């Protein structure tokens, strides 16, 4: 997307995707959500209810809520830029978030993560020893970003 924005001479887009690339790189796999297979009921345009295979995204209790919107938006990006992201292979399953059927992850947070990446309530519940292990010395500014400009 950085290259596409450069070709479109969209400097705001270049900066946005460079920032998001840094964010995802700092999140590392340990900060990403896990998915569980499941089934969800969907009402078709004809009013018929069918069952659809989905992925239930697990809640990551130690991660700042800022990332929920960012990662959800990144998951939807291929739908906004269909000419760049061509579906091949298996049909992608829809991710279900913010649903009571989504389980809470029990894994531990990554080590030396920026303080800003943590949920404040989670940090308050950690001992100083655990904070020293999991919270890095360098922080990372979470920028307020407008993701709607790429949601057309």
N, C-alpha and C. Protein backbone atom coordinates (compact mmCIF):
# COMPACT_ATOMS: atom_id res chain seq x y z
N UNK A 1 0.81 -1.18 0.00
CA UNK A 1 0.00 0.00 0.00
C UNK A 1 0.87 1.26 0.00
N UNK A 2 2.03 1.17 0.60
CA UNK A 2 2.93 2.34 0.59
C UNK A 2 3.27 2.69 -0.85
N UNK A 3 3.61 1.68 -1.63
CA UNK A 3 3.98 1.91 -3.03
C UNK A 3 2.80 2.46 -3.81
N UNK A 4 1.62 1.93 -3.59
CA UNK A 4 0.42 2.40 -4.29
C UNK A 4 0.17 3.87 -3.96
N UNK A 5 0.29 4.22 -2.68
CA UNK A 5 0.09 5.61 -2.27
C UNK A 5 1.16 6.52 -2.88
N UNK A 6 2.39 6.03 -3.00
CA UNK A 6 3.44 6.81 -3.64
C UNK A 6 3.09 7.06 -5.11
N UNK A 7 2.61 6.01 -5.79
CA UNK A 7 2.23 6.14 -7.19
C UNK A 7 1.05 7.10 -7.36
N UNK A 8 0.17 7.15 -6.39
CA UNK A 8 -0.99 8.06 -6.43
C UNK A 8 -0.63 9.46 -5.93
N UNK A 9 0.63 9.63 -5.54
CA UNK A 9 1.11 10.89 -4.96
C UNK A 9 0.26 11.29 -3.75
N UNK A 10 -0.02 10.30 -2.94
CA UNK A 10 -0.83 10.47 -1.72
C UNK A 10 0.11 10.41 -0.52
N UNK A 11 0.66 11.56 -0.15
CA UNK A 11 1.63 11.60 0.94
C UNK A 11 1.02 11.19 2.27
N UNK A 12 -0.24 11.59 2.52
CA UNK A 12 -0.91 11.18 3.77
C UNK A 12 -1.02 9.67 3.84
N UNK A 13 -1.36 9.04 2.72
CA UNK A 13 -1.45 7.58 2.67
C UNK A 13 -0.12 6.91 2.91
N UNK A 14 0.94 7.47 2.32
CA UNK A 14 2.29 6.93 2.52
C UNK A 14 2.63 6.95 4.01
N UNK A 15 2.38 8.10 4.64
CA UNK A 15 2.69 8.24 6.07
C UNK A 15 1.83 7.30 6.92
N UNK A 16 0.55 7.16 6.56
CA UNK A 16 -0.34 6.26 7.29
C UNK A 16 0.17 4.82 7.23
N UNK A 17 0.46 4.34 6.04
CA UNK A 17 0.86 2.94 5.90
C UNK A 17 2.28 2.68 6.43
N UNK A 18 3.14 3.68 6.39
CA UNK A 18 4.46 3.52 7.03
C UNK A 18 4.28 3.39 8.54
N UNK A 19 3.40 4.22 9.10
CA UNK A 19 3.12 4.15 10.53
C UNK A 19 2.52 2.79 10.89
N UNK A 20 1.53 2.35 10.12
CA UNK A 20 0.87 1.06 10.41
C UNK A 20 1.86 -0.10 10.29
N UNK A 21 2.78 -0.01 9.36
CA UNK A 21 3.81 -1.04 9.22
C UNK A 21 4.69 -1.10 10.47
N UNK A 22 5.05 0.08 11.00
CA UNK A 22 5.84 0.12 12.25
C UNK A 22 5.02 -0.44 13.42
N UNK A 23 3.74 -0.07 13.48
CA UNK A 23 2.88 -0.56 14.57
C UNK A 23 2.80 -2.08 14.56
N UNK A 24 2.49 -2.64 13.40
CA UNK A 24 2.35 -4.11 13.31
C UNK A 24 3.67 -4.79 13.59
N UNK A 25 4.77 -4.20 13.15
CA UNK A 25 6.09 -4.76 13.44
C UNK A 25 6.39 -4.77 14.93
N UNK A 26 5.97 -3.73 15.63
CA UNK A 26 6.20 -3.67 17.09
C UNK A 26 5.23 -4.57 17.85
N UNK A 27 4.03 -4.77 17.30
CA UNK A 27 3.07 -5.67 17.97
C UNK A 27 3.63 -7.08 18.06
N UNK A 28 4.30 -7.50 17.00
CA UNK A 28 4.86 -8.85 16.89
C UNK A 28 3.73 -9.88 16.97
N UNK A 29 4.00 -11.13 16.64
CA UNK A 29 2.93 -12.14 16.69
C UNK A 29 2.28 -12.26 18.07
N UNK A 30 3.04 -12.03 19.13
CA UNK A 30 2.50 -12.16 20.48
C UNK A 30 1.44 -11.13 20.82
N UNK A 31 1.36 -10.05 20.04
CA UNK A 31 0.37 -9.02 20.28
C UNK A 31 -0.83 -9.11 19.37
N UNK A 32 -0.78 -10.04 18.43
CA UNK A 32 -1.89 -10.22 17.50
C UNK A 32 -2.96 -11.12 18.12
N UNK A 33 -4.15 -11.01 17.60
CA UNK A 33 -5.26 -11.85 18.06
C UNK A 33 -5.13 -13.25 17.48
N UNK A 34 -5.64 -14.20 18.23
CA UNK A 34 -5.74 -15.57 17.73
C UNK A 34 -7.18 -15.76 17.26
N UNK A 35 -7.40 -16.69 16.35
CA UNK A 35 -8.74 -16.97 15.85
C UNK A 35 -9.12 -18.41 16.16
N UNK A 36 -10.41 -18.62 16.39
CA UNK A 36 -10.95 -19.97 16.53
C UNK A 36 -12.04 -20.16 15.50
N UNK A 37 -12.07 -21.34 14.89
CA UNK A 37 -13.12 -21.64 13.92
C UNK A 37 -14.46 -21.75 14.62
N UNK A 38 -15.48 -21.32 13.92
CA UNK A 38 -16.84 -21.41 14.45
C UNK A 38 -17.86 -21.25 13.35
N UNK A 39 -19.11 -21.18 13.76
CA UNK A 39 -20.22 -21.04 12.83
C UNK A 39 -21.10 -19.90 13.31
N UNK A 40 -21.56 -19.09 12.36
CA UNK A 40 -22.42 -17.96 12.69
C UNK A 40 -23.65 -18.02 11.78
N UNK A 41 -24.79 -17.63 12.31
CA UNK A 41 -26.01 -17.57 11.51
C UNK A 41 -26.07 -16.25 10.77
N UNK A 42 -26.43 -16.32 9.50
CA UNK A 42 -26.50 -15.14 8.65
C UNK A 42 -27.84 -15.16 7.93
N UNK A 43 -28.48 -13.99 7.85
CA UNK A 43 -29.74 -13.88 7.11
C UNK A 43 -29.40 -13.38 5.72
N UNK A 44 -29.80 -14.14 4.69
CA UNK A 44 -29.52 -13.76 3.30
C UNK A 44 -30.46 -12.65 2.86
N UNK A 45 -30.20 -12.12 1.67
CA UNK A 45 -31.06 -11.06 1.13
C UNK A 45 -32.48 -11.56 0.86
N UNK A 46 -32.63 -12.88 0.73
CA UNK A 46 -33.97 -13.46 0.55
C UNK A 46 -34.66 -13.73 1.88
N UNK A 47 -34.02 -13.39 2.98
CA UNK A 47 -34.60 -13.59 4.30
C UNK A 47 -34.43 -14.99 4.87
N UNK A 48 -33.58 -15.78 4.24
CA UNK A 48 -33.33 -17.15 4.71
C UNK A 48 -32.12 -17.13 5.64
N UNK A 49 -32.22 -17.83 6.76
CA UNK A 49 -31.10 -17.93 7.69
C UNK A 49 -30.24 -19.14 7.33
N UNK A 50 -28.95 -18.89 7.15
CA UNK A 50 -28.01 -19.98 6.85
C UNK A 50 -26.86 -19.91 7.86
N UNK A 51 -26.11 -20.99 7.93
CA UNK A 51 -24.93 -21.00 8.81
C UNK A 51 -23.69 -20.83 7.94
N UNK A 52 -22.77 -20.00 8.44
CA UNK A 52 -21.55 -19.66 7.72
C UNK A 52 -20.35 -19.98 8.60
N UNK A 53 -19.31 -20.58 8.02
CA UNK A 53 -18.06 -20.80 8.75
C UNK A 53 -17.37 -19.46 8.95
N UNK A 54 -16.95 -19.19 10.18
CA UNK A 54 -16.31 -17.92 10.52
C UNK A 54 -15.11 -18.17 11.41
N UNK A 55 -14.37 -17.11 11.66
CA UNK A 55 -13.28 -17.12 12.63
C UNK A 55 -13.68 -16.19 13.77
N UNK A 56 -13.74 -16.73 14.99
CA UNK A 56 -14.00 -15.91 16.17
C UNK A 56 -12.65 -15.41 16.68
N UNK A 57 -12.50 -14.09 16.69
CA UNK A 57 -11.24 -13.48 17.11
C UNK A 57 -11.20 -13.41 18.63
N UNK A 58 -10.15 -13.98 19.20
CA UNK A 58 -10.02 -13.98 20.66
C UNK A 58 -9.66 -12.59 21.17
N UNK A 59 -10.15 -12.27 22.35
CA UNK A 59 -9.86 -11.00 23.00
C UNK A 59 -8.47 -11.09 23.63
N UNK A 60 -7.65 -10.07 23.41
CA UNK A 60 -6.30 -10.02 23.97
C UNK A 60 -6.35 -9.02 25.13
N UNK A 61 -6.45 -9.51 26.37
CA UNK A 61 -6.72 -8.61 27.50
C UNK A 61 -5.60 -7.63 27.83
N UNK A 62 -4.38 -7.93 27.46
CA UNK A 62 -3.27 -7.05 27.81
C UNK A 62 -3.04 -5.95 26.76
N UNK A 63 -3.67 -6.07 25.60
CA UNK A 63 -3.44 -5.13 24.50
C UNK A 63 -4.36 -3.92 24.59
N UNK A 64 -3.83 -2.74 24.33
CA UNK A 64 -4.59 -1.49 24.35
C UNK A 64 -5.72 -1.59 23.32
N UNK A 65 -6.89 -1.05 23.65
CA UNK A 65 -8.05 -1.12 22.76
C UNK A 65 -7.83 -0.38 21.44
N UNK A 66 -6.86 0.50 21.38
CA UNK A 66 -6.50 1.22 20.15
C UNK A 66 -6.31 0.24 18.99
N UNK A 67 -5.72 -0.91 19.29
CA UNK A 67 -5.37 -1.86 18.23
C UNK A 67 -6.58 -2.62 17.67
N UNK A 68 -7.66 -2.68 18.41
CA UNK A 68 -8.84 -3.40 17.93
C UNK A 68 -9.33 -2.80 16.62
N UNK A 69 -9.50 -1.48 16.58
CA UNK A 69 -9.97 -0.82 15.36
C UNK A 69 -8.93 -0.89 14.24
N UNK A 70 -7.68 -0.68 14.58
CA UNK A 70 -6.62 -0.68 13.58
C UNK A 70 -6.51 -2.04 12.91
N UNK A 71 -6.46 -3.10 13.70
CA UNK A 71 -6.31 -4.44 13.13
C UNK A 71 -7.57 -4.89 12.39
N UNK A 72 -8.73 -4.50 12.87
CA UNK A 72 -9.98 -4.80 12.17
C UNK A 72 -9.98 -4.12 10.80
N UNK A 73 -9.55 -2.87 10.76
CA UNK A 73 -9.49 -2.13 9.50
C UNK A 73 -8.49 -2.77 8.54
N UNK A 74 -7.34 -3.17 9.05
CA UNK A 74 -6.34 -3.81 8.19
C UNK A 74 -6.88 -5.12 7.60
N UNK A 75 -7.67 -5.86 8.39
CA UNK A 75 -8.29 -7.09 7.88
C UNK A 75 -9.22 -6.80 6.71
N UNK A 76 -9.87 -5.64 6.73
CA UNK A 76 -10.84 -5.28 5.69
C UNK A 76 -10.19 -4.62 4.48
N UNK A 77 -8.95 -4.24 4.57
CA UNK A 77 -8.27 -3.51 3.51
C UNK A 77 -8.35 -4.21 2.15
N UNK A 78 -8.18 -5.52 2.08
CA UNK A 78 -8.29 -6.16 0.75
C UNK A 78 -9.65 -5.92 0.08
N UNK A 79 -10.69 -5.72 0.86
CA UNK A 79 -12.01 -5.41 0.29
C UNK A 79 -12.09 -4.01 -0.28
N UNK A 80 -11.29 -3.08 0.27
CA UNK A 80 -11.29 -1.70 -0.23
C UNK A 80 -10.44 -1.58 -1.49
N UNK A 81 -9.39 -2.36 -1.56
CA UNK A 81 -8.43 -2.28 -2.66
C UNK A 81 -8.43 -3.60 -3.43
N UNK A 82 -9.57 -3.95 -4.01
CA UNK A 82 -9.74 -5.26 -4.64
C UNK A 82 -8.79 -5.50 -5.80
N UNK A 83 -8.39 -4.43 -6.52
CA UNK A 83 -7.49 -4.63 -7.65
C UNK A 83 -6.08 -5.00 -7.21
N UNK A 84 -5.74 -4.71 -5.96
CA UNK A 84 -4.42 -5.06 -5.43
C UNK A 84 -4.39 -6.43 -4.78
N UNK A 85 -5.49 -6.78 -4.12
CA UNK A 85 -5.57 -8.01 -3.34
C UNK A 85 -6.50 -8.98 -4.05
N UNK A 86 -5.94 -9.86 -4.82
CA UNK A 86 -6.75 -10.80 -5.59
C UNK A 86 -6.89 -12.10 -4.80
N UNK A 87 -8.15 -12.49 -4.57
CA UNK A 87 -8.43 -13.70 -3.80
C UNK A 87 -8.05 -14.92 -4.63
N UNK A 88 -7.23 -15.79 -4.06
CA UNK A 88 -6.92 -17.06 -4.69
C UNK A 88 -6.89 -18.11 -3.59
N UNK A 89 -7.08 -19.33 -3.96
CA UNK A 89 -7.11 -20.39 -2.95
C UNK A 89 -8.44 -20.43 -2.22
N UNK A 90 -8.39 -20.83 -0.97
CA UNK A 90 -9.62 -20.93 -0.18
C UNK A 90 -10.32 -19.60 -0.03
N UNK A 91 -11.62 -19.67 0.14
CA UNK A 91 -12.40 -18.47 0.40
C UNK A 91 -12.07 -18.01 1.82
N UNK A 92 -11.83 -16.71 1.94
CA UNK A 92 -11.49 -16.15 3.25
C UNK A 92 -12.71 -16.17 4.16
N UNK A 93 -12.51 -16.61 5.39
CA UNK A 93 -13.61 -16.63 6.36
C UNK A 93 -13.74 -15.27 7.01
N UNK A 94 -14.96 -14.88 7.26
CA UNK A 94 -15.25 -13.62 7.94
C UNK A 94 -14.80 -13.74 9.39
N UNK A 95 -14.20 -12.65 9.91
CA UNK A 95 -13.81 -12.62 11.32
C UNK A 95 -14.92 -11.97 12.13
N UNK A 96 -15.23 -12.59 13.25
CA UNK A 96 -16.24 -12.06 14.16
C UNK A 96 -15.52 -11.53 15.39
N UNK A 97 -15.74 -10.25 15.68
CA UNK A 97 -15.12 -9.59 16.83
C UNK A 97 -16.22 -9.05 17.73
N UNK A 98 -15.85 -8.67 18.93
CA UNK A 98 -16.79 -8.03 19.86
C UNK A 98 -18.09 -8.81 19.97
N UNK A 99 -17.96 -10.08 20.18
CA UNK A 99 -19.12 -10.97 20.28
C UNK A 99 -18.94 -11.79 21.55
N UNK A 100 -20.01 -12.05 22.28
CA UNK A 100 -19.87 -12.83 23.52
C UNK A 100 -19.28 -14.23 23.30
N UNK A 101 -19.35 -14.73 22.07
CA UNK A 101 -18.78 -16.06 21.78
C UNK A 101 -17.27 -16.01 21.59
N UNK A 102 -16.69 -14.82 21.51
CA UNK A 102 -15.22 -14.69 21.39
C UNK A 102 -14.59 -14.93 22.76
N UNK A 103 -13.68 -15.87 22.81
CA UNK A 103 -13.01 -16.21 24.07
C UNK A 103 -11.90 -15.22 24.38
N UNK A 104 -11.47 -15.22 25.61
CA UNK A 104 -10.37 -14.37 26.05
C UNK A 104 -9.08 -15.19 26.02
N UNK A 105 -8.07 -14.65 25.38
CA UNK A 105 -6.78 -15.32 25.29
C UNK A 105 -6.14 -15.40 26.67
N UNK A 106 -5.46 -16.50 26.94
CA UNK A 106 -4.80 -16.68 28.24
C UNK A 106 -3.27 -16.54 28.13
N UNK A 107 -2.78 -16.24 26.94
CA UNK A 107 -1.33 -16.15 26.79
C UNK A 107 -0.79 -14.88 27.46
N UNK A 108 0.48 -14.91 27.74
CA UNK A 108 1.17 -13.81 28.39
C UNK A 108 1.54 -12.74 27.36
N UNK A 109 1.69 -11.48 27.80
CA UNK A 109 2.09 -10.43 26.86
C UNK A 109 3.54 -10.60 26.42
N UNK A 110 3.88 -10.05 25.27
CA UNK A 110 5.28 -10.11 24.82
C UNK A 110 6.19 -9.37 25.80
N UNK A 111 7.45 -9.72 25.78
CA UNK A 111 8.42 -9.03 26.63
C UNK A 111 8.91 -7.76 25.95
N UNK A 112 9.16 -6.74 26.80
CA UNK A 112 9.73 -5.46 26.37
C UNK A 112 8.85 -4.74 25.34
N UNK A 113 7.57 -4.82 25.53
CA UNK A 113 6.61 -4.11 24.70
C UNK A 113 6.55 -2.66 25.12
N UNK A 114 6.26 -1.73 24.21
CA UNK A 114 6.07 -0.33 24.61
C UNK A 114 4.91 -0.20 25.61
N UNK A 115 5.07 0.66 26.60
CA UNK A 115 4.03 0.86 27.62
C UNK A 115 2.70 1.23 26.97
N UNK A 116 2.73 2.04 25.92
CA UNK A 116 1.49 2.50 25.28
C UNK A 116 0.70 1.36 24.63
N UNK A 117 1.33 0.22 24.40
CA UNK A 117 0.65 -0.91 23.78
C UNK A 117 -0.22 -1.69 24.77
N UNK A 118 -0.01 -1.46 26.05
CA UNK A 118 -0.73 -2.19 27.09
C UNK A 118 -2.03 -1.50 27.47
N UNK A 119 -3.01 -2.31 27.81
CA UNK A 119 -4.23 -1.82 28.42
C UNK A 119 -3.85 -1.32 29.82
N UNK A 120 -4.27 -0.10 30.15
CA UNK A 120 -3.89 0.50 31.44
C UNK A 120 -4.35 -0.35 32.64
N UNK A 121 -5.56 -0.88 32.56
CA UNK A 121 -6.06 -1.71 33.67
C UNK A 121 -5.22 -2.97 33.83
N UNK A 122 -4.77 -3.53 32.72
CA UNK A 122 -3.93 -4.72 32.78
C UNK A 122 -2.60 -4.39 33.45
N UNK A 123 -2.03 -3.23 33.07
CA UNK A 123 -0.76 -2.81 33.67
C UNK A 123 -0.89 -2.60 35.17
N UNK A 124 -1.99 -1.97 35.58
CA UNK A 124 -2.20 -1.72 37.01
C UNK A 124 -2.26 -3.01 37.81
N UNK A 125 -2.71 -4.09 37.19
CA UNK A 125 -2.81 -5.37 37.87
C UNK A 125 -1.52 -6.16 37.88
N UNK A 126 -0.50 -5.68 37.20
CA UNK A 126 0.79 -6.39 37.13
C UNK A 126 1.70 -5.95 38.28
N UNK A 127 2.44 -6.88 38.79
CA UNK A 127 3.44 -6.54 39.81
C UNK A 127 4.58 -5.76 39.15
N UNK A 128 5.37 -5.06 39.96
CA UNK A 128 6.51 -4.32 39.42
C UNK A 128 7.49 -5.26 38.73
N UNK A 129 7.66 -6.45 39.28
CA UNK A 129 8.57 -7.42 38.69
C UNK A 129 8.10 -7.82 37.29
N UNK A 130 6.80 -8.10 37.15
CA UNK A 130 6.26 -8.46 35.83
C UNK A 130 6.32 -7.28 34.87
N UNK A 131 6.07 -6.08 35.38
CA UNK A 131 6.17 -4.91 34.52
C UNK A 131 7.59 -4.75 34.00
N UNK A 132 8.57 -4.96 34.87
CA UNK A 132 9.97 -4.85 34.46
C UNK A 132 10.30 -5.85 33.35
N UNK A 133 9.66 -7.00 33.38
CA UNK A 133 9.90 -8.05 32.38
C UNK A 133 9.19 -7.75 31.06
N UNK A 134 7.96 -7.24 31.14
CA UNK A 134 7.13 -7.10 29.93
C UNK A 134 7.10 -5.70 29.33
N UNK A 135 7.37 -4.67 30.12
CA UNK A 135 7.29 -3.30 29.62
C UNK A 135 8.69 -2.80 29.25
N UNK A 136 8.83 -2.40 27.99
CA UNK A 136 10.12 -1.92 27.51
C UNK A 136 10.42 -0.50 27.98
N UNK A 137 11.66 -0.11 27.86
CA UNK A 137 12.08 1.23 28.28
C UNK A 137 11.67 2.29 27.25
N UNK A 138 11.66 1.91 25.97
CA UNK A 138 11.25 2.85 24.93
C UNK A 138 9.75 2.75 24.70
N UNK A 139 9.11 3.90 24.61
CA UNK A 139 7.68 3.90 24.34
C UNK A 139 7.44 4.15 22.86
N UNK A 140 6.21 4.09 22.46
CA UNK A 140 5.81 4.27 21.06
C UNK A 140 4.53 5.08 21.07
N UNK A 141 4.53 6.19 20.36
CA UNK A 141 3.34 7.05 20.33
C UNK A 141 2.25 6.43 19.46
N UNK A 142 1.07 6.27 20.05
CA UNK A 142 -0.09 5.80 19.30
C UNK A 142 -0.79 7.02 18.74
N UNK A 143 -0.71 7.19 17.44
CA UNK A 143 -1.27 8.36 16.78
C UNK A 143 -2.76 8.20 16.53
N UNK A 144 -3.46 9.30 16.66
CA UNK A 144 -4.86 9.31 16.27
C UNK A 144 -4.89 9.34 14.75
N UNK A 145 -5.52 8.35 14.14
CA UNK A 145 -5.51 8.27 12.69
C UNK A 145 -6.94 8.15 12.16
N UNK A 146 -7.13 8.69 10.96
CA UNK A 146 -8.43 8.64 10.30
C UNK A 146 -8.39 7.52 9.27
N UNK A 147 -8.97 6.40 9.61
CA UNK A 147 -8.95 5.25 8.72
C UNK A 147 -10.07 5.32 7.68
N UNK A 148 -10.98 6.25 7.83
CA UNK A 148 -12.13 6.33 6.91
C UNK A 148 -11.72 6.76 5.51
N UNK A 149 -10.57 7.42 5.36
CA UNK A 149 -10.19 7.90 4.03
C UNK A 149 -9.86 6.76 3.07
N UNK A 150 -9.66 5.57 3.57
CA UNK A 150 -9.36 4.42 2.71
C UNK A 150 -10.45 3.36 2.78
N UNK A 151 -11.62 3.74 3.22
CA UNK A 151 -12.70 2.77 3.40
C UNK A 151 -13.74 2.85 2.28
N UNK A 152 -13.37 3.41 1.15
CA UNK A 152 -14.33 3.55 0.04
C UNK A 152 -14.48 2.26 -0.72
